[in-house]
Amino acid sequence: MKGMASIQQKQLEKTAIANPSASIEEIVEAGRKQPKIKQIIVVINDQTDDALTSFAQEQGTDKNDAASQLIASGLTDRGYMAASDERA
């Protein structure tokens, strides 16, 4: 898991928890089948950054994962993504 992004690590952890009887090899294979992670750069103002920092702390995550969660939630709410497509 060392070379994985934190969002990928969390998805792998969810897979392991959802399949407690799965072997390590099966869990690792499921991890390989994860969707590719893309990085984008988003420019935000100080007020938005402060709010994102607060949200991340409340969720027990970092700002990157928090932003990813909020984007996925917003896209799902507006019908651009199915609820099952959320990755974070």
Protein backbone atom coordinates (compact mmCIF):
# COMPACT_ATOMS: atom_id res chain seq x y z
CA MET A 1 0.00 0.00 0.00
CA LYS A 2 3.07 2.18 0.22
CA GLY A 3 2.83 3.54 -3.34
CA MET A 4 -0.92 4.06 -3.26
CA ALA A 5 -2.77 7.34 -2.86
CA SER A 6 -4.72 7.60 0.38
CA ILE A 7 -8.01 7.32 -1.49
CA GLN A 8 -6.79 4.05 -3.02
CA GLN A 9 -5.70 2.80 0.40
CA LYS A 10 -9.13 3.57 1.85
CA GLN A 11 -10.85 1.76 -1.01
CA LEU A 12 -8.63 -1.26 -0.46
CA GLU A 13 -9.44 -1.17 3.26
CA LYS A 14 -13.18 -1.02 2.48
CA THR A 15 -12.78 -4.04 0.20
CA ALA A 16 -11.00 -5.97 2.94
CA ILE A 17 -13.66 -5.09 5.53
CA ALA A 18 -16.50 -5.97 3.16
CA ASN A 19 -14.90 -9.35 2.40
CA PRO A 20 -13.42 -10.57 5.71
CA SER A 21 -13.05 -14.14 4.46
CA ALA A 22 -11.09 -13.10 1.35
CA SER A 23 -7.43 -14.02 1.15
CA ILE A 24 -4.75 -11.35 1.01
CA GLU A 25 -4.19 -12.23 -2.65
CA GLU A 26 -7.89 -11.68 -3.42
CA ILE A 27 -7.89 -8.33 -1.66
CA VAL A 28 -4.71 -7.23 -3.46
CA GLU A 29 -6.24 -8.30 -6.78
CA ALA A 30 -9.40 -6.31 -5.98
CA GLY A 31 -7.12 -3.35 -5.25
CA ARG A 32 -5.57 -3.65 -8.68
CA LYS A 33 -9.01 -3.42 -10.25
CA GLN A 34 -9.70 -0.04 -8.68
CA PRO A 35 -10.48 2.86 -10.98
CA LYS A 36 -7.52 4.99 -11.97
CA ILE A 37 -6.90 8.04 -9.84
CA LYS A 38 -6.54 11.40 -11.59
CA GLN A 39 -5.05 14.51 -10.09
CA ILE A 40 -6.43 17.97 -10.78
CA ILE A 41 -5.44 21.38 -9.51
CA VAL A 42 -8.20 23.52 -8.04
CA VAL A 43 -7.66 27.14 -7.07
CA ILE A 44 -9.67 28.24 -4.02
CA ASN A 45 -9.75 31.31 -1.82
CA ASP A 46 -8.79 31.48 1.87
CA GLN A 47 -12.37 31.16 3.11
CA THR A 48 -12.95 27.99 1.08
CA ASP A 49 -9.58 26.60 2.19
CA ASP A 50 -10.46 27.20 5.84
CA ALA A 51 -13.82 25.50 5.38
CA LEU A 52 -12.19 22.56 3.59
CA THR A 53 -9.63 22.23 6.38
CA SER A 54 -12.40 22.16 8.99
CA PHE A 55 -14.37 19.58 7.00
CA ALA A 56 -11.27 17.40 6.58
CA GLN A 57 -10.53 17.52 10.31
CA GLU A 58 -14.11 16.59 11.18
CA GLN A 59 -13.97 13.68 8.73
CA GLY A 60 -10.58 12.53 10.04
CA THR A 61 -8.94 12.85 6.65
CA ASP A 62 -6.71 15.19 4.68
CA LYS A 63 -7.81 18.05 2.45
CA ASN A 64 -7.25 16.09 -0.77
CA ASP A 65 -9.58 13.30 0.29
CA ALA A 66 -12.07 15.79 1.73
CA ALA A 67 -12.17 17.71 -1.56
CA SER A 68 -12.60 14.46 -3.48
CA GLN A 69 -15.51 13.46 -1.22
CA LEU A 70 -17.20 16.83 -1.65
CA ILE A 71 -16.78 16.80 -5.43
CA ALA A 72 -18.18 13.26 -5.69
CA SER A 73 -21.08 14.17 -3.41
CA GLY A 74 -21.89 17.28 -5.42
CA LEU A 75 -21.76 15.40 -8.72
CA THR A 76 -23.96 12.65 -7.30
CA ASP A 77 -26.49 15.16 -5.93
CA ARG A 78 -26.73 16.80 -9.36
CA GLY A 79 -27.15 13.53 -11.22
CA TYR A 80 -23.76 13.38 -12.94
CA MET A 81 -22.67 10.29 -10.98
CA ALA A 82 -24.52 7.30 -9.58
CA ALA A 83 -24.24 6.95 -5.80
CA SER A 84 -22.36 3.68 -6.26
CA ASP A 85 -19.71 5.51 -8.35
CA GLU A 86 -18.45 7.49 -5.34
CA ARG A 87 -14.90 6.44 -4.56
CA ALA A 88 -14.06 8.36 -1.43
